[in-house]
Amino acid sequence: MEQKLTIALEAQHLCKSITSGEDKLDILKDINFSVPAGESVAILGASGAGKTTLLTLLAVHSGDLIYLSIHRIILQLISRLIRFRHSKKA
């Protein structure tokens, strides 16, 4: 018998764009992923790749984000990371 995998976090079709005049820049485009319960993940990328933007979208529940069984502490850690990142920019 096959066991059903419990998904802790699933994101579907996350997008983030900025506009300047008539120009549009896609920061994140059609991001889809799922994280099984009990697994750890890392977000890696060069400076300006959109790591903080992705975390911000996850923290504010934007897009077609579906939380199934994620623990409250994970959301608190994401929020703290974002606040820390923004405090370093100031």
PDB file of N, CA and C in Angstrom:
ATOM      1  N   MET A   1       0.838  -1.179   0.000  1.00  0.00           N
ATOM      2  CA  MET A   1       0.000   0.000   0.000  1.00  0.00           C
ATOM      3  C   MET A   1       0.886   1.247   0.000  1.00  0.00           C
ATOM      4  N   GLU A   2       0.605   2.166  -0.862  1.00  0.00           N
ATOM      5  CA  GLU A   2       1.381   3.401  -0.977  1.00  0.00           C
ATOM      6  C   GLU A   2       0.943   4.413   0.072  1.00  0.00           C
ATOM      7  N   GLN A   3       1.932   5.023   0.773  1.00  0.00           N
ATOM      8  CA  GLN A   3       1.612   6.047   1.753  1.00  0.00           C
ATOM      9  C   GLN A   3       1.437   7.387   1.053  1.00  0.00           C
ATOM     10  N   LYS A   4       0.454   8.144   1.514  1.00  0.00           N
ATOM     11  CA  LYS A   4       0.223   9.470   0.959  1.00  0.00           C
ATOM     12  C   LYS A   4       1.167  10.458   1.643  1.00  0.00           C
ATOM     13  N   LEU A   5       1.864  11.256   0.848  1.00  0.00           N
ATOM     14  CA  LEU A   5       2.804  12.237   1.346  1.00  0.00           C
ATOM     15  C   LEU A   5       2.057  13.454   1.873  1.00  0.00           C
ATOM     16  N   THR A   6       2.363  13.864   3.098  1.00  0.00           N
ATOM     17  CA  THR A   6       1.749  15.053   3.676  1.00  0.00           C
ATOM     18  C   THR A   6       2.564  16.270   3.265  1.00  0.00           C
ATOM     19  N   ILE A   7       1.899  17.213   2.658  1.00  0.00           N
ATOM     20  CA  ILE A   7       2.554  18.441   2.206  1.00  0.00           C
ATOM     21  C   ILE A   7       2.406  19.497   3.292  1.00  0.00           C
ATOM     22  N   ALA A   8       3.541  20.090   3.712  1.00  0.00           N
ATOM     23  CA  ALA A   8       3.517  21.132   4.736  1.00  0.00           C
ATOM     24  C   ALA A   8       3.303  22.504   4.115  1.00  0.00           C
ATOM     25  N   LEU A   9       3.829  22.712   2.919  1.00  0.00           N
ATOM     26  CA  LEU A   9       3.733  24.014   2.255  1.00  0.00           C
ATOM     27  C   LEU A   9       3.669  23.795   0.761  1.00  0.00           C
ATOM     28  N   GLU A  10       2.738  24.447   0.122  1.00  0.00           N
ATOM     29  CA  GLU A  10       2.623  24.354  -1.327  1.00  0.00           C
ATOM     30  C   GLU A  10       2.338  25.739  -1.888  1.00  0.00           C
ATOM     31  N   ALA A  11       3.075  26.115  -2.901  1.00  0.00           N
ATOM     32  CA  ALA A  11       2.856  27.393  -3.569  1.00  0.00           C
ATOM     33  C   ALA A  11       2.565  27.105  -5.039  1.00  0.00           C
ATOM     34  N   GLN A  12       1.572  27.791  -5.560  1.00  0.00           N
ATOM     35  CA  GLN A  12       1.196  27.600  -6.953  1.00  0.00           C
ATOM     36  C   GLN A  12       1.079  28.948  -7.640  1.00  0.00           C
ATOM     37  N   HIS A  13       1.799  29.086  -8.729  1.00  0.00           N
ATOM     38  CA  HIS A  13       1.712  30.251  -9.617  1.00  0.00           C
ATOM     39  C   HIS A  13       2.017  31.583  -8.916  1.00  0.00           C
ATOM     40  N   LEU A  14       3.020  31.602  -8.048  1.00  0.00           N
ATOM     41  CA  LEU A  14       3.418  32.852  -7.410  1.00  0.00           C
ATOM     42  C   LEU A  14       4.141  33.728  -8.425  1.00  0.00           C
ATOM     43  N   CYS A  15       3.769  34.988  -8.455  1.00  0.00           N
ATOM     44  CA  CYS A  15       4.377  35.955  -9.370  1.00  0.00           C
ATOM     45  C   CYS A  15       4.584  37.279  -8.648  1.00  0.00           C
ATOM     46  N   LYS A  16       5.615  37.986  -9.051  1.00  0.00           N
ATOM     47  CA  LYS A  16       5.848  39.331  -8.551  1.00  0.00           C
ATOM     48  C   LYS A  16       6.521  40.129  -9.656  1.00  0.00           C
ATOM     49  N   SER A  17       5.930  41.263  -9.988  1.00  0.00           N
ATOM     50  CA  SER A  17       6.465  42.140 -11.019  1.00  0.00           C
ATOM     51  C   SER A  17       6.512  43.560 -10.496  1.00  0.00           C
ATOM     52  N   ILE A  18       7.409  44.352 -11.049  1.00  0.00           N
ATOM     53  CA  ILE A  18       7.421  45.784 -10.762  1.00  0.00           C
ATOM     54  C   ILE A  18       7.353  46.519 -12.085  1.00  0.00           C
ATOM     55  N   THR A  19       6.763  47.695 -12.054  1.00  0.00           N
ATOM     56  CA  THR A  19       6.661  48.500 -13.268  1.00  0.00           C
ATOM     57  C   THR A  19       7.301  49.857 -13.038  1.00  0.00           C
ATOM     58  N   SER A  20       7.881  50.369 -14.094  1.00  0.00           N
ATOM     59  CA  SER A  20       8.457  51.703 -14.104  1.00  0.00           C
ATOM     60  C   SER A  20       8.099  52.318 -15.441  1.00  0.00           C
ATOM     61  N   GLY A  21       7.140  53.227 -15.398  1.00  0.00           N
ATOM     62  CA  GLY A  21       6.640  53.772 -16.656  1.00  0.00           C
ATOM     63  C   GLY A  21       5.937  52.690 -17.443  1.00  0.00           C
ATOM     64  N   GLU A  22       6.406  52.463 -18.651  1.00  0.00           N
ATOM     65  CA  GLU A  22       5.823  51.416 -19.489  1.00  0.00           C
ATOM     66  C   GLU A  22       6.581  50.098 -19.381  1.00  0.00           C
ATOM     67  N   ASP A  23       7.677  50.082 -18.633  1.00  0.00           N
ATOM     68  CA  ASP A  23       8.497  48.878 -18.495  1.00  0.00           C
ATOM     69  C   ASP A  23       8.005  48.013 -17.349  1.00  0.00           C
ATOM     70  N   LYS A  24       7.979  46.714 -17.582  1.00  0.00           N
ATOM     71  CA  LYS A  24       7.585  45.749 -16.559  1.00  0.00           C
ATOM     72  C   LYS A  24       8.728  44.758 -16.375  1.00  0.00           C
ATOM     73  N   LEU A  25       9.107  44.541 -15.118  1.00  0.00           N
ATOM     74  CA  LEU A  25      10.163  43.590 -14.798  1.00  0.00           C
ATOM     75  C   LEU A  25       9.583  42.495 -13.926  1.00  0.00           C
ATOM     76  N   ASP A  26       9.668  41.243 -14.413  1.00  0.00           N
ATOM     77  CA  ASP A  26       9.212  40.095 -13.633  1.00  0.00           C
ATOM     78  C   ASP A  26      10.305  39.708 -12.650  1.00  0.00           C
ATOM     79  N   ILE A  27      10.013  39.854 -11.352  1.00  0.00           N
ATOM     80  CA  ILE A  27      10.953  39.448 -10.315  1.00  0.00           C
ATOM     81  C   ILE A  27      10.833  37.938 -10.093  1.00  0.00           C
ATOM     82  N   LEU A  28       9.612  37.470  -9.933  1.00  0.00           N
ATOM     83  CA  LEU A  28       9.312  36.046  -9.826  1.00  0.00           C
ATOM     84  C   LEU A  28       8.203  35.753 -10.823  1.00  0.00           C
ATOM     85  N   LYS A  29       8.312  34.665 -11.541  1.00  0.00           N
ATOM     86  CA  LYS A  29       7.313  34.347 -12.558  1.00  0.00           C
ATOM     87  C   LYS A  29       6.914  32.879 -12.472  1.00  0.00           C
ATOM     88  N   ASP A  30       5.643  32.656 -12.136  1.00  0.00           N
ATOM     89  CA  ASP A  30       5.050  31.318 -12.108  1.00  0.00           C
ATOM     90  C   ASP A  30       5.865  30.325 -11.274  1.00  0.00           C
ATOM     91  N   ILE A  31       6.075  30.675  -9.997  1.00  0.00           N
ATOM     92  CA  ILE A  31       6.834  29.821  -9.082  1.00  0.00           C
ATOM     93  C   ILE A  31       5.891  28.775  -8.482  1.00  0.00           C
ATOM     94  N   ASN A  32       6.279  27.522  -8.596  1.00  0.00           N
ATOM     95  CA  ASN A  32       5.493  26.403  -8.083  1.00  0.00           C
ATOM     96  C   ASN A  32       6.411  25.471  -7.309  1.00  0.00           C
ATOM     97  N   PHE A  33       6.018  25.099  -6.103  1.00  0.00           N
ATOM     98  CA  PHE A  33       6.788  24.118  -5.342  1.00  0.00           C
ATOM     99  C   PHE A  33       5.940  23.577  -4.206  1.00  0.00           C
ATOM    100  N   SER A  34       6.381  22.457  -3.665  1.00  0.00           N
ATOM    101  CA  SER A  34       5.763  21.918  -2.460  1.00  0.00           C
ATOM    102  C   SER A  34       6.873  21.386  -1.565  1.00  0.00           C
ATOM    103  N   VAL A  35       6.629  21.467  -0.269  1.00  0.00           N
ATOM    104  CA  VAL A  35       7.588  20.980   0.726  1.00  0.00           C
ATOM    105  C   VAL A  35       6.874  19.932   1.567  1.00  0.00           C
ATOM    106  N   PRO A  36       7.336  18.692   1.513  1.00  0.00           N
ATOM    107  CA  PRO A  36       6.725  17.644   2.330  1.00  0.00           C
ATOM    108  C   PRO A  36       6.953  17.903   3.818  1.00  0.00           C
ATOM    109  N   ALA A  37       6.021  17.477   4.628  1.00  0.00           N
ATOM    110  CA  ALA A  37       6.134  17.621   6.082  1.00  0.00           C
ATOM    111  C   ALA A  37       7.415  16.951   6.560  1.00  0.00           C
ATOM    112  N   GLY A  38       8.115  17.625   7.462  1.00  0.00           N
ATOM    113  CA  GLY A  38       9.327  17.083   8.044  1.00  0.00           C
ATOM    114  C   GLY A  38      10.593  17.345   7.260  1.00  0.00           C
ATOM    115  N   GLU A  39      10.486  17.939   6.071  1.00  0.00           N
ATOM    116  CA  GLU A  39      11.668  18.226   5.272  1.00  0.00           C
ATOM    117  C   GLU A  39      12.124  19.656   5.491  1.00  0.00           C
ATOM    118  N   SER A  40      13.412  19.874   5.337  1.00  0.00           N
ATOM    119  CA  SER A  40      13.994  21.210   5.401  1.00  0.00           C
ATOM    120  C   SER A  40      14.405  21.616   4.000  1.00  0.00           C
ATOM    121  N   VAL A  41      14.275  22.884   3.703  1.00  0.00           N
ATOM    122  CA  VAL A  41      14.682  23.391   2.398  1.00  0.00           C
ATOM    123  C   VAL A  41      15.519  24.648   2.590  1.00  0.00           C
ATOM    124  N   ALA A  42      16.287  24.977   1.584  1.00  0.00           N
ATOM    125  CA  ALA A  42      17.075  26.212   1.573  1.00  0.00           C
ATOM    126  C   ALA A  42      16.746  26.963   0.297  1.00  0.00           C
ATOM    127  N   ILE A  43      16.729  28.270   0.395  1.00  0.00           N
ATOM    128  CA  ILE A  43      16.524  29.115  -0.779  1.00  0.00           C
ATOM    129  C   ILE A  43      17.866  29.737  -1.106  1.00  0.00           C
ATOM    130  N   LEU A  44      18.412  29.367  -2.256  1.00  0.00           N
ATOM    131  CA  LEU A  44      19.734  29.820  -2.665  1.00  0.00           C
ATOM    132  C   LEU A  44      19.633  30.639  -3.941  1.00  0.00           C
ATOM    133  N   GLY A  45      20.519  31.592  -4.081  1.00  0.00           N
ATOM    134  CA  GLY A  45      20.562  32.376  -5.307  1.00  0.00           C
ATOM    135  C   GLY A  45      21.457  33.582  -5.130  1.00  0.00           C
ATOM    136  N   ALA A  46      21.854  34.136  -6.240  1.00  0.00           N
ATOM    137  CA  ALA A  46      22.709  35.316  -6.230  1.00  0.00           C
ATOM    138  C   ALA A  46      21.954  36.519  -5.676  1.00  0.00           C
ATOM    139  N   SER A  47      22.701  37.531  -5.315  1.00  0.00           N
ATOM    140  CA  SER A  47      22.092  38.779  -4.858  1.00  0.00           C
ATOM    141  C   SER A  47      21.164  39.308  -5.947  1.00  0.00           C
ATOM    142  N   GLY A  48      19.951  39.661  -5.552  1.00  0.00           N
ATOM    143  CA  GLY A  48      18.986  40.183  -6.515  1.00  0.00           C
ATOM    144  C   GLY A  48      18.184  39.125  -7.248  1.00  0.00           C
ATOM    145  N   ALA A  49      18.349  37.862  -6.878  1.00  0.00           N
ATOM    146  CA  ALA A  49      17.660  36.774  -7.572  1.00  0.00           C
ATOM    147  C   ALA A  49      16.192  36.635  -7.169  1.00  0.00           C
ATOM    148  N   GLY A  50      15.795  37.263  -6.029  1.00  0.00           N
ATOM    149  CA  GLY A  50      14.399  37.194  -5.610  1.00  0.00           C
ATOM    150  C   GLY A  50      14.138  36.371  -4.367  1.00  0.00           C
ATOM    151  N   LYS A  51      15.186  36.019  -3.634  1.00  0.00           N
ATOM    152  CA  LYS A  51      15.007  35.191  -2.430  1.00  0.00           C
ATOM    153  C   LYS A  51      14.128  35.886  -1.392  1.00  0.00           C
ATOM    154  N   THR A  52      14.445  37.139  -1.077  1.00  0.00           N
ATOM    155  CA  THR A  52      13.656  37.878  -0.094  1.00  0.00           C
ATOM    156  C   THR A  52      12.259  38.150  -0.611  1.00  0.00           C
ATOM    157  N   THR A  53      12.126  38.409  -1.894  1.00  0.00           N
ATOM    158  CA  THR A  53      10.803  38.616  -2.491  1.00  0.00           C
ATOM    159  C   THR A  53       9.949  37.369  -2.324  1.00  0.00           C
ATOM    160  N   LEU A  54      10.529  36.208  -2.553  1.00  0.00           N
ATOM    161  CA  LEU A  54       9.794  34.948  -2.371  1.00  0.00           C
ATOM    162  C   LEU A  54       9.358  34.785  -0.920  1.00  0.00           C
ATOM    163  N   LEU A  55      10.272  35.023   0.023  1.00  0.00           N
ATOM    164  CA  LEU A  55       9.916  34.898   1.434  1.00  0.00           C
ATOM    165  C   LEU A  55       8.823  35.887   1.823  1.00  0.00           C
ATOM    166  N   THR A  56       8.877  37.078   1.269  1.00  0.00           N
ATOM    167  CA  THR A  56       7.842  38.079   1.548  1.00  0.00           C
ATOM    168  C   THR A  56       6.488  37.596   1.047  1.00  0.00           C
ATOM    169  N   LEU A  57       6.449  37.056  -0.151  1.00  0.00           N
ATOM    170  CA  LEU A  57       5.188  36.518  -0.676  1.00  0.00           C
ATOM    171  C   LEU A  57       4.660  35.395   0.202  1.00  0.00           C
ATOM    172  N   LEU A  58       5.542  34.546   0.663  1.00  0.00           N
ATOM    173  CA  LEU A  58       5.120  33.446   1.529  1.00  0.00           C
ATOM    174  C   LEU A  58       4.598  33.967   2.865  1.00  0.00           C
ATOM    175  N   ALA A  59       5.242  34.992   3.405  1.00  0.00           N
ATOM    176  CA  ALA A  59       4.858  35.520   4.713  1.00  0.00           C
ATOM    177  C   ALA A  59       3.518  36.235   4.685  1.00  0.00           C
ATOM    178  N   VAL A  60       3.165  36.837   3.566  1.00  0.00           N
ATOM    179  CA  VAL A  60       1.910  37.597   3.505  1.00  0.00           C
ATOM    180  C   VAL A  60       0.801  36.832   2.793  1.00  0.00           C
ATOM    181  N   HIS A  61       1.030  35.558   2.499  1.00  0.00           N
ATOM    182  CA  HIS A  61      -0.001  34.700   1.899  1.00  0.00           C
ATOM    183  C   HIS A  61      -0.504  35.247   0.567  1.00  0.00           C
ATOM    184  N   SER A  62       0.380  35.688  -0.282  1.00  0.00           N
ATOM    185  CA  SER A  62      -0.012  36.259  -1.566  1.00  0.00           C
ATOM    186  C   SER A  62      -0.074  35.173  -2.636  1.00  0.00           C
ATOM    187  N   GLY A  63      -0.788  35.449  -3.704  1.00  0.00           N
ATOM    188  CA  GLY A  63      -0.890  34.500  -4.805  1.00  0.00           C
ATOM    189  C   GLY A  63      -1.788  33.337  -4.453  1.00  0.00           C
ATOM    190  N   ASP A  64      -1.551  32.210  -5.093  1.00  0.00           N
ATOM    191  CA  ASP A  64      -2.324  30.994  -4.855  1.00  0.00           C
ATOM    192  C   ASP A  64      -1.604  30.112  -3.846  1.00  0.00           C
ATOM    193  N   LEU A  65      -1.247  30.692  -2.721  1.00  0.00           N
ATOM    194  CA  LEU A  65      -0.477  29.971  -1.716  1.00  0.00           C
ATOM    195  C   LEU A  65      -1.412  29.143  -0.852  1.00  0.00           C
ATOM    196  N   ILE A  66      -1.050  27.916  -0.637  1.00  0.00           N
ATOM    197  CA  ILE A  66      -1.886  27.010   0.143  1.00  0.00           C
ATOM    198  C   ILE A  66      -1.063  26.458   1.307  1.00  0.00           C
ATOM    199  N   TYR A  67      -1.483  26.801   2.516  1.00  0.00           N
ATOM    200  CA  TYR A  67      -0.862  26.215   3.689  1.00  0.00           C
ATOM    201  C   TYR A  67      -1.726  25.047   4.139  1.00  0.00           C
ATOM    202  N   LEU A  68      -1.132  23.880   4.208  1.00  0.00           N
ATOM    203  CA  LEU A  68      -1.911  22.719   4.600  1.00  0.00           C
ATOM    204  C   LEU A  68      -1.675  22.355   6.062  1.00  0.00           C
ATOM    205  N   SER A  69      -0.434  22.150   6.454  1.00  0.00           N
ATOM    206  CA  SER A  69      -0.182  21.752   7.834  1.00  0.00           C
ATOM    207  C   SER A  69       1.125  22.358   8.345  1.00  0.00           C
ATOM    208  N   ILE A  70       1.440  23.557   7.888  1.00  0.00           N
ATOM    209  CA  ILE A  70       2.704  24.181   8.291  1.00  0.00           C
ATOM    210  C   ILE A  70       2.603  24.650   9.730  1.00  0.00           C
ATOM    211  N   HIS A  71       3.692  24.541  10.466  1.00  0.00           N
ATOM    212  CA  HIS A  71       3.702  24.950  11.857  1.00  0.00           C
ATOM    213  C   HIS A  71       3.823  26.466  11.973  1.00  0.00           C
ATOM    214  N   ARG A  72       3.182  27.028  12.956  1.00  0.00           N
ATOM    215  CA  ARG A  72       3.172  28.473  13.179  1.00  0.00           C
ATOM    216  C   ARG A  72       4.589  29.032  13.359  1.00  0.00           C
ATOM    217  N   ILE A  73       5.471  28.259  13.949  1.00  0.00           N
ATOM    218  CA  ILE A  73       6.835  28.729  14.200  1.00  0.00           C
ATOM    219  C   ILE A  73       7.568  29.026  12.897  1.00  0.00           C
ATOM    220  N   ILE A  74       7.303  28.288  11.842  1.00  0.00           N
ATOM    221  CA  ILE A  74       7.964  28.528  10.563  1.00  0.00           C
ATOM    222  C   ILE A  74       7.572  29.902  10.024  1.00  0.00           C
ATOM    223  N   LEU A  75       6.311  30.254  10.114  1.00  0.00           N
ATOM    224  CA  LEU A  75       5.876  31.573   9.664  1.00  0.00           C
ATOM    225  C   LEU A  75       6.515  32.678  10.487  1.00  0.00           C
ATOM    226  N   GLN A  76       6.652  32.453  11.790  1.00  0.00           N
ATOM    227  CA  GLN A  76       7.293  33.453  12.643  1.00  0.00           C
ATOM    228  C   GLN A  76       8.755  33.627  12.260  1.00  0.00           C
ATOM    229  N   LEU A  77       9.443  32.535  11.957  1.00  0.00           N
ATOM    230  CA  LEU A  77      10.844  32.630  11.554  1.00  0.00           C
ATOM    231  C   LEU A  77      10.995  33.370  10.229  1.00  0.00           C
ATOM    232  N   ILE A  78      10.106  33.115   9.291  1.00  0.00           N
ATOM    233  CA  ILE A  78      10.146  33.822   8.010  1.00  0.00           C
ATOM    234  C   ILE A  78       9.934  35.315   8.235  1.00  0.00           C
ATOM    235  N   SER A  79       8.960  35.675   9.065  1.00  0.00           N
ATOM    236  CA  SER A  79       8.698  37.083   9.352  1.00  0.00           C
ATOM    237  C   SER A  79       9.898  37.746  10.004  1.00  0.00           C
ATOM    238  N   ARG A  80      10.550  37.052  10.942  1.00  0.00           N
ATOM    239  CA  ARG A  80      11.736  37.611  11.593  1.00  0.00           C
ATOM    240  C   ARG A  80      12.869  37.815  10.596  1.00  0.00           C
ATOM    241  N   LEU A  81      13.048  36.858   9.699  1.00  0.00           N
ATOM    242  CA  LEU A  81      14.088  36.975   8.685  1.00  0.00           C
ATOM    243  C   LEU A  81      13.842  38.181   7.788  1.00  0.00           C
ATOM    244  N   ILE A  82      12.602  38.373   7.386  1.00  0.00           N
ATOM    245  CA  ILE A  82      12.267  39.505   6.529  1.00  0.00           C
ATOM    246  C   ILE A  82      12.495  40.822   7.263  1.00  0.00           C
ATOM    247  N   ARG A  83      12.057  40.904   8.525  1.00  0.00           N
ATOM    248  CA  ARG A  83      12.283  42.134   9.294  1.00  0.00           C
ATOM    249  C   ARG A  83      13.775  42.406   9.465  1.00  0.00           C
ATOM    250  N   PHE A  84      14.559  41.354   9.730  1.00  0.00           N
ATOM    251  CA  PHE A  84      16.001  41.500   9.868  1.00  0.00           C
ATOM    252  C   PHE A  84      16.613  41.996   8.562  1.00  0.00           C
ATOM    253  N   ARG A  85      16.197  41.410   7.443  1.00  0.00           N
ATOM    254  CA  ARG A  85      16.724  41.805   6.134  1.00  0.00           C
ATOM    255  C   ARG A  85      16.405  43.260   5.842  1.00  0.00           C
ATOM    256  N   HIS A  86      15.173  43.688   6.127  1.00  0.00           N
ATOM    257  CA  HIS A  86      14.789  45.083   5.867  1.00  0.00           C
ATOM    258  C   HIS A  86      15.497  46.044   6.817  1.00  0.00           C
ATOM    259  N   SER A  87      15.779  45.643   8.042  1.00  0.00           N
ATOM    260  CA  SER A  87      16.476  46.513   8.970  1.00  0.00           C
ATOM    261  C   SER A  87      17.924  46.744   8.525  1.00  0.00           C
ATOM    262  N   LYS A  88      18.514  45.780   7.827  1.00  0.00           N
ATOM    263  CA  LYS A  88      19.883  45.923   7.329  1.00  0.00           C
ATOM    264  C   LYS A  88      19.945  46.876   6.138  1.00  0.00           C
ATOM    265  N   LYS A  89      18.830  47.032   5.399  1.00  0.00           N
ATOM    266  CA  LYS A  89      18.781  47.944   4.250  1.00  0.00           C
ATOM    267  C   LYS A  89      18.681  49.392   4.697  1.00  0.00           C
ATOM    268  N   ALA A  90      18.111  49.619   5.894  1.00  0.00           N
ATOM    269  CA  ALA A  90      17.877  50.980   6.373  1.00  0.00           C
ATOM    270  C   ALA A  90      19.155  51.679   6.773  1.00  0.00           C
TER     271      ALA A  90
END
